[in-house]
Amino acid sequence: MSLNELARRAGIRGPSLHAIIHGKTKVVKSTTLVGLANALGVPMQDLIKGRGGKPSRTLDNEAQALFSQLEDRDKLAILAALRALQKKP
């Protein structure tokens, strides 16, 4: 699949995918990782593994790995709750 097709399937813009692939994006949103993992048909954890195939042990990566194991409806519920929390002053 082309990079443009991957971006389309993941629900992101082509330039955003290019920046991620080439290391220009330092922090990738969890929703972007979920979209990419789904488009590629792989677990999200496979996208966040460090060099040597070992996952990085940062809290963010641990949370993303756990998030990837959830059912889609549970992911959506968590994202909705996080968005609601962001709107509160």
C-alpha atoms as a PDB file:
ATOM      1  CA  MET A   1       0.000   0.000   0.000  1.00  0.00           C
ATOM      2  CA  SER A   2       1.239   3.494  -0.751  1.00  0.00           C
ATOM      3  CA  LEU A   3       1.931   6.041   1.961  1.00  0.00           C
ATOM      4  CA  ASN A   4      -0.967   8.134   0.684  1.00  0.00           C
ATOM      5  CA  GLU A   5      -3.289   5.135   0.997  1.00  0.00           C
ATOM      6  CA  LEU A   6      -1.970   4.398   4.503  1.00  0.00           C
ATOM      7  CA  ALA A   7      -2.571   8.006   5.540  1.00  0.00           C
ATOM      8  CA  ARG A   8      -6.093   7.900   4.094  1.00  0.00           C
ATOM      9  CA  ARG A   9      -6.923   4.633   5.870  1.00  0.00           C
ATOM     10  CA  ALA A  10      -5.439   5.914   9.134  1.00  0.00           C
ATOM     11  CA  GLY A  11      -7.428   9.147   8.906  1.00  0.00           C
ATOM     12  CA  ILE A  12      -4.402  11.453   8.848  1.00  0.00           C
ATOM     13  CA  ARG A  13      -2.889  13.805   6.290  1.00  0.00           C
ATOM     14  CA  GLY A  14      -0.068  12.631   4.035  1.00  0.00           C
ATOM     15  CA  PRO A  15       2.395  15.283   5.273  1.00  0.00           C
ATOM     16  CA  SER A  16       1.691  14.225   8.866  1.00  0.00           C
ATOM     17  CA  LEU A  17       2.522  10.612   8.035  1.00  0.00           C
ATOM     18  CA  HIS A  18       5.693  11.733   6.251  1.00  0.00           C
ATOM     19  CA  ALA A  19       6.768  13.699   9.330  1.00  0.00           C
ATOM     20  CA  ILE A  20       6.139  10.693  11.593  1.00  0.00           C
ATOM     21  CA  ILE A  21       8.047   8.287   9.345  1.00  0.00           C
ATOM     22  CA  HIS A  22      11.035  10.602   9.026  1.00  0.00           C
ATOM     23  CA  GLY A  23      11.263  11.373  12.738  1.00  0.00           C
ATOM     24  CA  LYS A  24      10.214  15.008  12.436  1.00  0.00           C
ATOM     25  CA  THR A  25       7.268  14.429  14.768  1.00  0.00           C
ATOM     26  CA  LYS A  26       8.492  13.838  18.312  1.00  0.00           C
ATOM     27  CA  VAL A  27       5.107  13.083  19.923  1.00  0.00           C
ATOM     28  CA  VAL A  28       2.440  11.130  18.080  1.00  0.00           C
ATOM     29  CA  LYS A  29      -1.129  11.282  19.373  1.00  0.00           C
ATOM     30  CA  SER A  30      -2.559   7.997  20.584  1.00  0.00           C
ATOM     31  CA  THR A  31      -5.474   8.391  18.158  1.00  0.00           C
ATOM     32  CA  THR A  32      -2.970   8.622  15.297  1.00  0.00           C
ATOM     33  CA  LEU A  33      -1.209   5.469  16.499  1.00  0.00           C
ATOM     34  CA  VAL A  34      -4.533   3.649  16.766  1.00  0.00           C
ATOM     35  CA  GLY A  35      -5.450   4.736  13.237  1.00  0.00           C
ATOM     36  CA  LEU A  36      -2.099   3.631  11.836  1.00  0.00           C
ATOM     37  CA  ALA A  37      -2.191   0.309  13.666  1.00  0.00           C
ATOM     38  CA  ASN A  38      -5.716  -0.377  12.420  1.00  0.00           C
ATOM     39  CA  ALA A  39      -4.810   0.609   8.857  1.00  0.00           C
ATOM     40  CA  LEU A  40      -1.778  -1.692   8.938  1.00  0.00           C
ATOM     41  CA  GLY A  41      -3.610  -4.485  10.736  1.00  0.00           C
ATOM     42  CA  VAL A  42      -1.034  -4.695  13.525  1.00  0.00           C
ATOM     43  CA  PRO A  43      -1.185  -4.186  17.299  1.00  0.00           C
ATOM     44  CA  MET A  44      -0.362  -0.615  18.312  1.00  0.00           C
ATOM     45  CA  GLN A  45       2.457  -1.963  20.480  1.00  0.00           C
ATOM     46  CA  ASP A  46       4.266  -3.016  17.301  1.00  0.00           C
ATOM     47  CA  LEU A  47       4.373   0.632  16.243  1.00  0.00           C
ATOM     48  CA  ILE A  48       5.914   1.854  19.498  1.00  0.00           C
ATOM     49  CA  LYS A  49       8.672  -0.711  19.960  1.00  0.00           C
ATOM     50  CA  GLY A  50      12.117   0.708  20.498  1.00  0.00           C
ATOM     51  CA  ARG A  51      15.265  -0.373  18.735  1.00  0.00           C
ATOM     52  CA  GLY A  52      15.977  -4.059  18.910  1.00  0.00           C
ATOM     53  CA  GLY A  53      12.276  -4.888  19.002  1.00  0.00           C
ATOM     54  CA  LYS A  54      11.951  -4.076  22.698  1.00  0.00           C
ATOM     55  CA  PRO A  55       9.236  -1.652  23.775  1.00  0.00           C
ATOM     56  CA  SER A  56      10.353   1.503  25.506  1.00  0.00           C
ATOM     57  CA  ARG A  57       9.317   1.477  29.162  1.00  0.00           C
ATOM     58  CA  THR A  58       8.025   5.018  29.470  1.00  0.00           C
ATOM     59  CA  LEU A  59       4.643   5.579  31.069  1.00  0.00           C
ATOM     60  CA  ASP A  60       3.291   6.904  27.780  1.00  0.00           C
ATOM     61  CA  ASN A  61       4.317   3.791  25.869  1.00  0.00           C
ATOM     62  CA  GLU A  62       2.948   1.530  28.589  1.00  0.00           C
ATOM     63  CA  ALA A  63      -0.387   3.350  28.439  1.00  0.00           C
ATOM     64  CA  GLN A  64      -0.455   3.125  24.647  1.00  0.00           C
ATOM     65  CA  ALA A  65       0.307  -0.585  24.741  1.00  0.00           C
ATOM     66  CA  LEU A  66      -2.540  -1.176  27.188  1.00  0.00           C
ATOM     67  CA  PHE A  67      -4.866   1.060  25.167  1.00  0.00           C
ATOM     68  CA  SER A  68      -4.179  -0.978  22.019  1.00  0.00           C
ATOM     69  CA  GLN A  69      -5.495  -4.104  23.723  1.00  0.00           C
ATOM     70  CA  LEU A  70      -8.931  -2.592  24.380  1.00  0.00           C
ATOM     71  CA  GLU A  71     -12.024  -3.192  22.299  1.00  0.00           C
ATOM     72  CA  ASP A  72     -12.850  -0.323  19.910  1.00  0.00           C
ATOM     73  CA  ARG A  73     -15.952   0.695  21.912  1.00  0.00           C
ATOM     74  CA  ASP A  74     -13.830   0.962  25.078  1.00  0.00           C
ATOM     75  CA  LYS A  75     -11.200   3.022  23.248  1.00  0.00           C
ATOM     76  CA  LEU A  76     -13.908   5.412  22.081  1.00  0.00           C
ATOM     77  CA  ALA A  77     -15.312   5.705  25.604  1.00  0.00           C
ATOM     78  CA  ILE A  78     -11.891   6.520  27.041  1.00  0.00           C
ATOM     79  CA  LEU A  79     -11.186   9.082  24.328  1.00  0.00           C
ATOM     80  CA  ALA A  80     -14.576  10.714  24.929  1.00  0.00           C
ATOM     81  CA  ALA A  81     -13.843  10.909  28.667  1.00  0.00           C
ATOM     82  CA  LEU A  82     -10.410  12.444  28.015  1.00  0.00           C
ATOM     83  CA  ARG A  83     -11.901  15.024  25.647  1.00  0.00           C
ATOM     84  CA  ALA A  84     -14.506  15.934  28.283  1.00  0.00           C
ATOM     85  CA  LEU A  85     -11.760  16.374  30.872  1.00  0.00           C
ATOM     86  CA  GLN A  86      -9.810  18.654  28.531  1.00  0.00           C
ATOM     87  CA  LYS A  87     -12.824  20.961  28.176  1.00  0.00           C
ATOM     88  CA  LYS A  88     -13.144  21.498  31.931  1.00  0.00           C
ATOM     89  CA  PRO A  89     -11.374  24.613  33.288  1.00  0.00           C
END
